[in-house]
Amino acid sequence: MVLQVGAYFDPQGLNSATGRNLTEVVMRFKMPDVTGRYHMPFMLAPNSYSVWMAR
């Protein structure tokens, strides 16, 4: 999954000139149970992110 985080921050005036470094976040993950339900919380800041997976 690729999240275009630059497109989120640019309208807010946060771009590479103002110190934002992220343009996209790529997440690769496995879903061991294809019939299961998964939750992937994603927290984003201009220069970092955190993601984890819960079932």
N, C-alpha and C. Protein backbone atom coordinates (compact mmCIF):
# COMPACT_ATOMS: atom_id res chain seq x y z
N MET A 1 0.86 -1.14 0.00
CA MET A 1 0.00 0.00 0.00
C MET A 1 0.92 1.22 0.00
N VAL A 2 0.60 2.19 -0.84
CA VAL A 2 1.38 3.43 -0.91
C VAL A 2 0.46 4.60 -0.54
N LEU A 3 0.86 5.34 0.48
CA LEU A 3 0.11 6.50 0.92
C LEU A 3 0.83 7.76 0.44
N GLN A 4 0.14 8.58 -0.30
CA GLN A 4 0.71 9.82 -0.85
C GLN A 4 0.60 10.93 0.20
N VAL A 5 1.48 10.93 1.18
CA VAL A 5 1.39 11.88 2.28
C VAL A 5 1.78 13.30 1.87
N GLY A 6 2.57 13.45 0.84
CA GLY A 6 2.91 14.78 0.35
C GLY A 6 1.68 15.52 -0.14
N ALA A 7 0.78 14.81 -0.77
CA ALA A 7 -0.47 15.42 -1.25
C ALA A 7 -1.33 15.89 -0.09
N TYR A 8 -1.19 15.27 1.07
CA TYR A 8 -1.92 15.71 2.25
C TYR A 8 -1.30 16.97 2.85
N PHE A 9 0.03 17.02 2.92
CA PHE A 9 0.70 18.13 3.57
C PHE A 9 0.84 19.38 2.69
N ASP A 10 0.98 19.23 1.39
CA ASP A 10 1.20 20.39 0.51
C ASP A 10 0.14 21.48 0.63
N PRO A 11 -1.16 21.17 0.63
CA PRO A 11 -2.17 22.23 0.76
C PRO A 11 -2.09 22.98 2.10
N GLN A 12 -1.44 22.37 3.08
CA GLN A 12 -1.31 23.00 4.38
C GLN A 12 -0.06 23.88 4.47
N GLY A 13 0.67 23.98 3.37
CA GLY A 13 1.88 24.80 3.34
C GLY A 13 3.10 24.10 3.91
N LEU A 14 3.00 22.80 4.12
CA LEU A 14 4.14 22.03 4.62
C LEU A 14 4.76 21.28 3.46
N ASN A 15 5.84 21.81 2.94
CA ASN A 15 6.52 21.17 1.83
C ASN A 15 8.01 21.07 2.13
N SER A 16 8.81 20.61 1.20
CA SER A 16 10.23 20.40 1.46
C SER A 16 10.94 21.70 1.82
N ALA A 17 10.46 22.84 1.35
CA ALA A 17 11.08 24.12 1.69
C ALA A 17 10.83 24.49 3.15
N THR A 18 9.74 23.99 3.73
CA THR A 18 9.42 24.30 5.13
C THR A 18 9.82 23.17 6.07
N GLY A 19 10.49 22.17 5.56
CA GLY A 19 11.02 21.13 6.43
C GLY A 19 10.35 19.78 6.35
N ARG A 20 9.34 19.60 5.51
CA ARG A 20 8.71 18.29 5.38
C ARG A 20 9.56 17.43 4.46
N ASN A 21 9.85 16.21 4.89
CA ASN A 21 10.69 15.32 4.10
C ASN A 21 9.92 14.18 3.44
N LEU A 22 8.78 13.80 3.98
CA LEU A 22 8.04 12.67 3.45
C LEU A 22 7.16 13.07 2.27
N THR A 23 7.19 12.27 1.22
CA THR A 23 6.27 12.46 0.10
C THR A 23 5.32 11.28 -0.04
N GLU A 24 5.82 10.08 0.32
CA GLU A 24 4.96 8.91 0.31
C GLU A 24 5.46 7.91 1.34
N VAL A 25 4.55 7.07 1.80
CA VAL A 25 4.87 6.01 2.75
C VAL A 25 4.44 4.70 2.11
N VAL A 26 5.36 3.76 2.04
CA VAL A 26 5.08 2.45 1.46
C VAL A 26 4.98 1.45 2.61
N MET A 27 3.87 0.72 2.65
CA MET A 27 3.68 -0.31 3.68
C MET A 27 3.50 -1.66 3.00
N ARG A 28 4.32 -2.60 3.40
CA ARG A 28 4.20 -3.98 2.93
C ARG A 28 3.83 -4.84 4.13
N PHE A 29 2.84 -5.67 3.97
CA PHE A 29 2.38 -6.47 5.10
C PHE A 29 1.78 -7.78 4.62
N LYS A 30 1.72 -8.73 5.53
CA LYS A 30 1.08 -10.02 5.27
C LYS A 30 -0.20 -10.09 6.08
N MET A 31 -1.17 -10.78 5.52
CA MET A 31 -2.43 -11.05 6.23
C MET A 31 -2.55 -12.57 6.32
N PRO A 32 -2.06 -13.16 7.41
CA PRO A 32 -2.04 -14.62 7.52
C PRO A 32 -3.41 -15.27 7.36
N ASP A 33 -4.44 -14.63 7.87
CA ASP A 33 -5.79 -15.16 7.75
C ASP A 33 -6.54 -14.29 6.73
N VAL A 34 -6.68 -14.79 5.52
CA VAL A 34 -7.29 -13.97 4.47
C VAL A 34 -8.77 -13.69 4.72
N THR A 35 -9.39 -14.44 5.61
CA THR A 35 -10.79 -14.18 5.95
C THR A 35 -10.91 -13.34 7.22
N GLY A 36 -9.77 -13.04 7.86
CA GLY A 36 -9.78 -12.26 9.10
C GLY A 36 -9.96 -10.77 8.85
N ARG A 37 -10.16 -10.06 9.94
CA ARG A 37 -10.28 -8.60 9.87
C ARG A 37 -9.06 -8.00 10.57
N TYR A 38 -8.48 -6.98 9.93
CA TYR A 38 -7.28 -6.36 10.46
C TYR A 38 -7.49 -4.86 10.60
N HIS A 39 -6.79 -4.29 11.55
CA HIS A 39 -6.85 -2.85 11.79
C HIS A 39 -5.41 -2.34 11.76
N MET A 40 -5.15 -1.30 10.95
CA MET A 40 -3.81 -0.75 10.82
C MET A 40 -3.82 0.74 11.18
N PRO A 41 -3.68 1.06 12.46
CA PRO A 41 -3.60 2.48 12.84
C PRO A 41 -2.36 3.12 12.21
N PHE A 42 -2.51 4.35 11.76
CA PHE A 42 -1.44 5.07 11.08
C PHE A 42 -1.39 6.48 11.64
N MET A 43 -0.27 6.85 12.25
CA MET A 43 -0.10 8.20 12.78
C MET A 43 0.95 8.90 11.93
N LEU A 44 0.66 10.14 11.53
CA LEU A 44 1.50 10.85 10.59
C LEU A 44 1.89 12.23 11.12
N ALA A 45 3.15 12.58 10.95
CA ALA A 45 3.68 13.90 11.23
C ALA A 45 4.48 14.33 10.00
N PRO A 46 4.84 15.60 9.87
CA PRO A 46 5.54 16.04 8.66
C PRO A 46 6.84 15.27 8.36
N ASN A 47 7.53 14.76 9.37
CA ASN A 47 8.80 14.09 9.13
C ASN A 47 8.87 12.68 9.70
N SER A 48 7.75 12.13 10.11
CA SER A 48 7.78 10.77 10.63
C SER A 48 6.39 10.15 10.58
N TYR A 49 6.34 8.86 10.78
CA TYR A 49 5.06 8.17 10.85
C TYR A 49 5.22 6.92 11.71
N SER A 50 4.11 6.40 12.15
CA SER A 50 4.10 5.16 12.91
C SER A 50 2.89 4.37 12.46
N VAL A 51 3.08 3.08 12.28
CA VAL A 51 1.99 2.20 11.88
C VAL A 51 2.16 0.86 12.58
N TRP A 52 1.08 0.25 12.95
CA TRP A 52 1.12 -1.07 13.54
C TRP A 52 -0.13 -1.82 13.09
N MET A 53 -0.10 -3.10 13.28
CA MET A 53 -1.20 -3.93 12.79
C MET A 53 -1.79 -4.71 13.94
N ALA A 54 -3.09 -4.68 14.06
CA ALA A 54 -3.79 -5.42 15.10
C ALA A 54 -4.87 -6.28 14.46
N ARG A 55 -5.13 -7.36 15.10
CA ARG A 55 -6.15 -8.25 14.56
C ARG A 55 -7.24 -8.44 15.56
